[in-house]
Protein backbone atom coordinates (compact mmCIF):
# COMPACT_ATOMS: atom_id res chain seq x y z
CA MET A 1 -18.78 16.97 -1.93
CA ILE A 2 -14.76 16.06 -2.55
CA GLU A 3 -12.71 18.93 -2.83
CA ALA A 4 -10.04 18.83 -6.09
CA VAL A 5 -6.75 18.34 -5.03
CA ASP A 6 -4.15 20.36 -7.11
CA PRO A 7 -1.67 18.21 -9.30
CA PRO A 8 1.69 17.73 -8.38
CA SER A 9 4.05 20.08 -10.57
CA ALA A 10 6.14 18.52 -13.24
CA ASP A 11 9.47 18.86 -11.66
CA ALA A 12 8.23 16.74 -8.24
CA VAL A 13 6.60 14.25 -11.13
CA GLU A 14 10.01 14.17 -12.95
CA ALA A 15 11.87 13.59 -9.74
CA ALA A 16 9.82 10.87 -8.28
CA ARG A 17 9.93 8.93 -11.66
CA LYS A 18 13.88 9.28 -11.63
CA LEU A 19 13.79 8.02 -8.05
CA PHE A 20 11.83 5.08 -9.31
CA ALA A 21 13.27 4.36 -12.51
CA GLY A 22 17.00 3.95 -9.96
CA PRO A 23 17.89 0.42 -8.40
CA CYS A 24 15.53 -1.00 -6.41
CA GLN A 25 16.05 -4.71 -5.31
CA PHE A 26 14.53 -7.42 -2.93
CA VAL A 27 16.87 -7.41 0.43
CA TRP A 28 14.92 -9.27 2.36
CA GLY A 29 11.74 -11.22 3.30
CA ALA A 30 10.95 -11.81 6.83
CA ALA A 31 8.20 -15.24 8.03
CA ALA A 32 7.86 -14.39 12.00
CA VAL A 33 8.40 -10.65 13.62
CA GLY A 34 11.56 -11.54 15.54
CA ASN A 35 13.03 -11.96 11.85
CA LEU A 36 12.20 -8.26 10.41
CA PRO A 37 15.87 -6.67 9.12
CA PRO A 38 17.43 -3.71 10.82
CA GLU A 39 15.99 -0.52 10.75
CA GLN A 40 18.43 1.73 8.58
CA LEU A 41 16.45 3.34 5.89
CA SER A 42 12.62 4.87 6.45
CA GLU A 43 10.29 2.80 5.26
CA PHE A 44 6.59 2.78 3.65
CA GLY A 45 4.23 -0.08 3.71
CA PHE A 46 1.59 -1.61 1.31
CA VAL A 47 -1.04 -3.32 3.32
CA GLY A 48 -4.52 -4.83 1.81
CA ARG A 49 -6.87 -7.43 1.44
CA SER A 50 -5.55 -10.65 -0.10
CA ASN A 51 -5.31 -9.75 -3.66
CA ALA A 52 -5.71 -5.99 -3.63
CA GLY A 53 -3.10 -5.46 -5.74
CA LYS A 54 -0.25 -4.92 -3.41
CA SER A 55 2.70 -6.71 -5.83
CA SER A 56 1.16 -5.28 -8.95
CA LEU A 57 1.22 -1.49 -7.64
CA ILE A 58 5.19 -1.83 -6.42
CA ASN A 59 5.99 -3.04 -9.63
CA ALA A 60 4.12 -0.32 -11.42
CA LEU A 61 5.66 2.02 -9.48
CA THR A 62 9.16 0.91 -9.76
CA GLY A 63 8.23 -0.06 -13.58
CA ARG A 64 9.39 -3.59 -13.29
CA LYS A 65 7.31 -6.55 -14.33
CA ALA A 66 8.36 -8.89 -11.43
CA LEU A 67 10.16 -7.06 -8.90
CA ALA A 68 7.23 -8.15 -6.40
CA ARG A 69 5.61 -11.36 -7.33
CA VAL A 70 2.19 -11.47 -8.58
CA SER A 71 -0.10 -14.17 -7.94
CA GLN A 72 -3.72 -14.72 -9.11
CA THR A 73 -4.13 -17.03 -5.83
CA PRO A 74 -5.54 -15.03 -2.74
CA GLY A 75 -2.72 -15.39 0.22
CA ALA A 76 0.33 -15.94 -1.82
CA THR A 77 2.24 -13.99 -0.18
CA ARG A 78 3.78 -15.49 3.03
CA GLN A 79 6.02 -12.98 4.80
CA ILE A 80 7.21 -9.42 4.44
CA ASN A 81 9.10 -8.61 1.76
CA PHE A 82 11.72 -5.70 1.65
CA PHE A 83 12.54 -3.57 -1.08
CA ASN A 84 15.35 -1.27 -1.02
CA LEU A 85 14.93 1.75 -3.58
CA GLY A 86 18.21 3.39 -4.10
CA GLU A 87 19.37 3.07 -0.93
CA ARG A 88 16.89 6.10 0.08
CA LEU A 89 13.62 4.22 0.48
CA MET A 90 12.44 0.96 1.86
CA LEU A 91 9.44 -0.25 0.24
CA VAL A 92 7.33 -2.99 2.29
CA ASP A 93 4.93 -5.43 0.97
CA LEU A 94 2.71 -6.99 3.75
CA PRO A 95 0.60 -10.37 3.39
CA GLY A 96 -2.78 -9.82 2.57
CA TYR A 97 -4.84 -10.23 5.56
CA GLY A 98 -8.96 -10.88 5.72
CA PHE A 99 -8.27 -13.99 3.51
CA ALA A 100 -6.29 -16.83 2.68
CA LYS A 101 -6.56 -20.03 0.59
CA ARG A 102 -4.56 -22.07 3.69
CA SER A 103 -5.49 -22.89 7.33
CA ARG A 104 -7.29 -20.73 9.60
CA SER A 105 -4.46 -20.99 11.84
CA GLU A 106 -1.99 -19.72 9.49
CA ALA A 107 -4.04 -17.11 8.14
CA GLN A 108 -4.16 -15.65 11.95
CA SER A 109 -0.42 -15.95 12.31
CA TRP A 110 -0.12 -14.16 9.03
CA GLN A 111 -2.77 -11.31 10.23
CA GLU A 112 -0.76 -11.33 13.49
CA MET A 113 2.75 -10.78 12.37
CA ILE A 114 1.19 -7.56 9.95
CA PHE A 115 -0.43 -6.27 12.95
CA GLU A 116 3.10 -6.35 15.35
CA TYR A 117 5.07 -4.98 11.90
CA LEU A 118 2.55 -1.83 12.20
CA ARG A 119 2.70 -1.29 15.59
CA ARG A 120 6.39 -2.01 16.25
CA ARG A 121 8.63 -0.79 13.49
CA ALA A 122 9.86 2.76 14.43
CA ARG A 123 10.99 3.97 10.79
CA LEU A 124 7.32 2.93 9.25
CA LYS A 125 6.79 6.67 7.86
CA GLN A 126 3.52 5.80 6.46
CA VAL A 127 1.19 3.25 4.80
CA ALA A 128 -0.62 2.87 1.59
CA LEU A 129 -3.80 1.15 2.84
CA LEU A 130 -4.76 -0.80 -0.46
CA LEU A 131 -8.88 -1.03 -1.35
CA ASP A 132 -9.97 -3.08 -4.36
CA ALA A 133 -12.11 -0.53 -6.01
CA ARG A 134 -14.58 -2.78 -7.32
CA ARG A 135 -15.25 -3.70 -3.52
CA GLY A 136 -14.55 -0.54 -1.52
CA ALA A 137 -13.75 -0.44 2.44
CA MET A 138 -14.80 -3.88 3.98
CA ASP A 139 -15.00 -4.56 7.85
CA SER A 140 -11.73 -5.85 7.95
CA ASP A 141 -10.33 -2.80 6.14
CA VAL A 142 -11.68 -0.80 8.80
CA GLN A 143 -10.30 -2.68 11.22
CA VAL A 144 -6.64 -2.36 10.30
CA MET A 145 -7.56 1.47 9.84
CA ASN A 146 -8.38 1.24 13.84
CA LEU A 147 -5.37 -0.46 14.37
CA LEU A 148 -3.41 2.32 12.36
CA ASP A 149 -5.37 4.83 13.98
CA ARG A 150 -4.62 3.41 17.50
CA ALA A 151 -0.71 2.94 16.73
CA GLY A 152 -0.37 6.49 15.26
CA VAL A 153 0.90 5.36 12.01
CA SER A 154 -0.12 7.68 9.09
CA TYR A 155 -1.91 6.30 6.06
CA GLY A 156 -3.51 6.65 2.82
CA LEU A 157 -6.11 5.23 1.57
CA VAL A 158 -5.07 3.92 -2.72
CA LEU A 159 -8.14 2.33 -4.50
CA THR A 160 -6.74 -0.09 -7.15
CA LYS A 161 -8.14 -1.68 -10.12
CA VAL A 162 -9.83 1.92 -10.79
CA ASP A 163 -9.55 0.86 -15.22
CA GLU A 164 -12.37 -1.85 -14.48
CA LEU A 165 -15.05 0.77 -13.19
CA ASN A 166 -17.01 3.31 -15.11
CA PRO A 167 -17.21 6.75 -14.64
CA ASP A 168 -20.06 6.57 -12.12
CA GLU A 169 -18.90 3.87 -10.20
CA ARG A 170 -15.76 5.42 -9.76
CA ALA A 171 -17.32 8.47 -8.62
CA LYS A 172 -19.49 6.51 -5.64
CA VAL A 173 -16.13 4.33 -4.55
CA LEU A 174 -14.14 7.74 -4.36
CA ALA A 175 -17.03 9.10 -2.41
CA ALA A 176 -17.31 6.52 0.09
CA ALA A 177 -13.57 5.71 0.40
CA THR A 178 -12.97 9.47 1.30
CA GLY A 179 -16.01 9.39 3.67
CA GLU A 180 -14.61 6.38 5.52
CA ALA A 181 -10.97 8.43 5.64
CA ALA A 182 -13.20 11.33 7.17
CA LYS A 183 -13.63 9.08 10.58
CA HIS A 184 -10.09 8.51 11.16
CA THR A 185 -7.40 9.97 13.16
CA ALA A 186 -4.42 8.93 10.98
CA ALA A 187 -5.93 8.60 7.65
CA LEU A 188 -4.87 11.13 5.12
CA ALA A 189 -7.78 13.25 3.62
CA GLU A 190 -6.58 12.68 0.10
CA VAL A 191 -7.86 9.36 -1.68
CA GLN A 192 -5.53 8.30 -4.42
CA LEU A 193 -7.35 6.31 -7.36
CA THR A 194 -4.67 3.94 -9.21
CA SER A 195 -4.68 1.29 -11.71
CA ALA A 196 -1.58 -0.64 -12.27
CA LEU A 197 -2.33 -2.24 -15.76
CA SER A 198 -3.61 1.43 -17.18
CA GLY A 199 -0.64 3.29 -14.65
CA GLU A 200 -3.49 5.60 -13.85
CA GLY A 201 -2.40 7.28 -10.41
CA ILE A 202 1.06 6.07 -10.54
CA ALA A 203 2.82 9.48 -11.28
CA GLN A 204 1.11 11.04 -8.34
CA LEU A 205 1.37 8.42 -5.52
CA ARG A 206 5.23 8.15 -6.63
CA VAL A 207 5.52 12.13 -5.09
CA ARG A 208 4.04 11.15 -2.32
CA LEU A 209 6.38 8.58 -1.31
CA ALA A 210 9.38 10.66 -2.87
CA ALA A 211 8.49 13.51 -0.52
CA LEU A 212 8.88 11.17 2.86
CA ILE A 213 12.79 11.10 1.77
């Protein structure tokens, strides 16, 4: 049985809304771990399988249509992209793992770059591990969860595209994701349901990010 989570207060929601309505701009793109920017702000990473909806979620959080590039082609994001949120928090969009319409060697190099970032970045405060709600946690997702556990990086599971599920499907995928999170030492207990299309869960995720500042 999944315990109910108290919704954030109206004040917290409004404060987070104002934060994400403020300045946010792309400041750096790193195609290799050796080209990462200096660590100046706390960082929040978005990681997930290719086409899990990372860029769409970042755009929804910031209320912008094209801050992060959205593509229908899995594996289109080929670098680690850094977005400065009002000089208070760095949002980090990582390349998708698990599948890329590229060569196997190129996909492998991207995956290694993602894992090295997650292991080495000192100011990385937390990670949102995005799961396509239509598929749930796959083997590659569990591998990343195990990596984050070993690295001691706190992360929360975020189910995306929940607008495409009916109530029964939503309940099943939420229960399965919550059960998987409970197996991992660095995972947050709460699993968040989101939809970049309908806006569901966006306010709650903003509050979670704002609390890291």
